[in-house]
Amino acid sequence: MAQKIYVGNMNYATTEETLKNLFAQYGEVISVTVIKDRFTEQSKGFGFVEMADDEASNTAIATLNGKELEGRRIRVSIAEEKPRNGGFKPRGEFNRNRGERNFNREGGYNRERSFNRDRGERNFNKENRNNRDDYRY
């Protein structure tokens, strides 16, 4: 059965042909892919090699892991399948369903006081005076 191998920490100049020649010494190589940036077409420094035989791929992993290739020590391991969701990672509701928002400046400390913004005076509401004289605070 074919086994996919991860090759990391590669030189950005490493090509698919170089990887194919390197892994072909250990067995039949089915496919080689160097991951590149979508816009600049420059290598991202890692890739994948698919080999036909599991035994040959395990030998290649054991031998090539930590070996220097084009000036860099490459990391070679069995590739792990990662779930793909198109790059979108939802992190929450994004301010949806926040409930009723009240913008009338009535809340907070001393809610029973009304503020006259025109004159800058503070007066108690008539309901809260409770038989007091017209003394202002």
Protein backbone atom coordinates (compact mmCIF):
# COMPACT_ATOMS: atom_id res chain seq x y z
CA MET A 1 0.00 0.00 0.00
CA ALA A 2 1.22 3.52 -0.78
CA GLN A 3 2.49 5.63 2.09
CA LYS A 4 2.73 9.42 2.12
CA ILE A 5 5.86 10.98 3.63
CA TYR A 6 6.25 14.52 4.96
CA VAL A 7 9.52 16.29 4.14
CA GLY A 8 10.09 19.52 6.05
CA ASN A 9 12.75 22.18 6.63
CA MET A 10 13.75 22.05 2.97
CA ASN A 11 15.73 24.67 1.13
CA TYR A 12 13.40 26.97 -0.83
CA ALA A 13 15.31 26.09 -4.00
CA THR A 14 14.64 22.35 -3.64
CA THR A 15 12.62 21.02 -6.58
CA GLU A 16 10.30 18.07 -6.98
CA GLU A 17 12.89 16.42 -9.24
CA THR A 18 15.53 16.63 -6.48
CA LEU A 19 13.19 14.99 -3.97
CA LYS A 20 12.20 12.28 -6.45
CA ASN A 21 15.84 11.40 -7.13
CA LEU A 22 16.60 11.35 -3.39
CA PHE A 23 13.72 9.02 -2.45
CA ALA A 24 14.02 6.83 -5.58
CA GLN A 25 17.18 5.30 -4.05
CA TYR A 26 14.96 3.53 -1.47
CA GLY A 27 12.05 2.37 -3.65
CA GLU A 28 9.41 3.30 -6.19
CA VAL A 29 8.20 6.89 -5.90
CA ILE A 30 4.59 7.40 -6.96
CA SER A 31 4.34 11.19 -6.58
CA VAL A 32 6.26 14.19 -5.28
CA THR A 33 4.74 17.54 -4.32
CA VAL A 34 6.57 20.63 -3.12
CA ILE A 35 4.13 23.03 -1.50
CA LYS A 36 4.35 26.52 -2.98
CA ASP A 37 2.86 29.90 -2.16
CA ARG A 38 -0.25 30.54 -4.22
CA PHE A 39 0.73 34.05 -5.24
CA THR A 40 4.52 34.11 -5.43
CA GLU A 41 4.99 30.47 -6.54
CA GLN A 42 7.92 30.24 -4.10
CA SER A 43 8.40 27.04 -2.12
CA LYS A 44 7.13 27.09 1.46
CA GLY A 45 9.94 24.77 2.56
CA PHE A 46 8.06 21.50 2.85
CA GLY A 47 6.56 18.85 0.63
CA PHE A 48 5.22 15.32 0.35
CA VAL A 49 6.53 12.16 -1.25
CA GLU A 50 4.32 9.14 -1.88
CA MET A 51 6.08 5.78 -2.10
CA ALA A 52 4.59 2.50 -3.30
CA ASP A 53 6.00 0.19 -0.61
CA ASP A 54 5.61 0.72 3.16
CA GLU A 55 8.89 -1.01 3.93
CA ALA A 56 10.80 1.17 1.46
CA SER A 57 9.18 4.31 2.85
CA ASN A 58 10.05 3.34 6.44
CA THR A 59 13.67 2.76 5.38
CA ALA A 60 13.74 6.14 3.62
CA ILE A 61 12.31 7.88 6.70
CA ALA A 62 14.85 6.27 9.03
CA THR A 63 17.76 7.05 6.73
CA LEU A 64 16.89 10.56 5.50
CA ASN A 65 15.51 12.15 8.69
CA GLY A 66 18.10 14.70 9.81
CA LYS A 67 20.20 14.32 6.66
CA GLU A 68 21.48 17.49 5.02
CA LEU A 69 19.95 18.35 1.65
CA GLU A 70 21.05 21.50 -0.21
CA GLY A 71 22.42 23.10 2.94
CA ARG A 72 19.50 22.28 5.31
CA ARG A 73 18.79 19.35 7.62
CA ILE A 74 15.50 17.96 6.41
CA ARG A 75 12.84 16.44 8.63
CA VAL A 76 11.28 13.30 7.26
CA SER A 77 8.27 11.56 8.83
CA ILE A 78 5.03 9.82 7.98
CA ALA A 79 2.49 12.40 6.80
CA GLU A 80 -0.57 12.87 9.01
CA GLU A 81 -4.00 13.38 7.51
CA LYS A 82 -5.39 16.70 8.65
CA PRO A 83 -9.05 17.68 8.17
CA ARG A 84 -9.49 20.43 5.61
CA ASN A 85 -12.17 23.04 6.08
CA GLY A 86 -11.12 25.55 3.46
CA GLY A 87 -8.98 27.58 5.86
CA PHE A 88 -12.01 28.95 7.72
CA LYS A 89 -11.88 28.57 11.49
CA PRO A 90 -14.99 29.92 13.19
CA ARG A 91 -14.14 31.50 16.52
CA GLY A 92 -17.58 32.44 17.78
CA GLU A 93 -20.75 34.18 16.91
CA PHE A 94 -19.10 37.40 15.66
CA ASN A 95 -21.34 39.81 17.62
CA ARG A 96 -24.51 38.02 16.64
CA ASN A 97 -27.29 37.55 19.12
CA ARG A 98 -25.93 40.03 21.65
CA GLY A 99 -29.40 40.84 22.85
CA GLU A 100 -31.17 44.16 23.12
CA ARG A 101 -28.79 47.11 23.33
CA ASN A 102 -30.02 50.17 25.17
CA PHE A 103 -28.44 53.49 24.18
CA ASN A 104 -30.54 55.81 26.34
CA ARG A 105 -28.14 57.01 29.08
CA GLU A 106 -30.44 56.09 31.95
CA GLY A 107 -28.45 53.24 33.45
CA GLY A 108 -25.64 53.28 35.97
CA TYR A 109 -25.02 55.03 39.30
CA ASN A 110 -27.81 57.25 40.72
CA ARG A 111 -30.33 56.18 38.14
CA GLU A 112 -33.14 58.01 39.91
CA ARG A 113 -31.63 61.42 39.16
CA SER A 114 -32.47 63.19 35.95
CA PHE A 115 -29.88 65.37 34.30
CA ASN A 116 -30.79 68.57 32.54
CA ARG A 117 -28.18 68.85 29.84
CA ASP A 118 -29.13 72.34 28.76
CA ARG A 119 -28.46 74.03 32.11
CA GLY A 120 -26.10 71.56 33.70
CA GLU A 121 -28.35 71.17 36.77
CA ARG A 122 -29.23 67.99 38.61
CA ASN A 123 -32.70 67.59 40.09
CA PHE A 124 -34.45 64.69 41.73
CA ASN A 125 -37.40 63.32 39.81
CA LYS A 126 -40.74 64.34 41.28
CA GLU A 127 -41.62 60.72 42.02
CA ASN A 128 -38.55 60.32 44.23
CA ARG A 129 -38.95 63.42 46.37
CA ASN A 130 -41.24 61.71 48.90
CA ASN A 131 -42.68 64.79 50.64
CA ARG A 132 -39.45 66.75 50.76
CA ASP A 133 -39.30 70.46 50.27
CA ASP A 134 -37.68 71.89 47.13
CA TYR A 135 -34.17 71.60 48.50
CA ARG A 136 -31.66 70.99 45.69
CA TYR A 137 -28.73 68.69 46.10
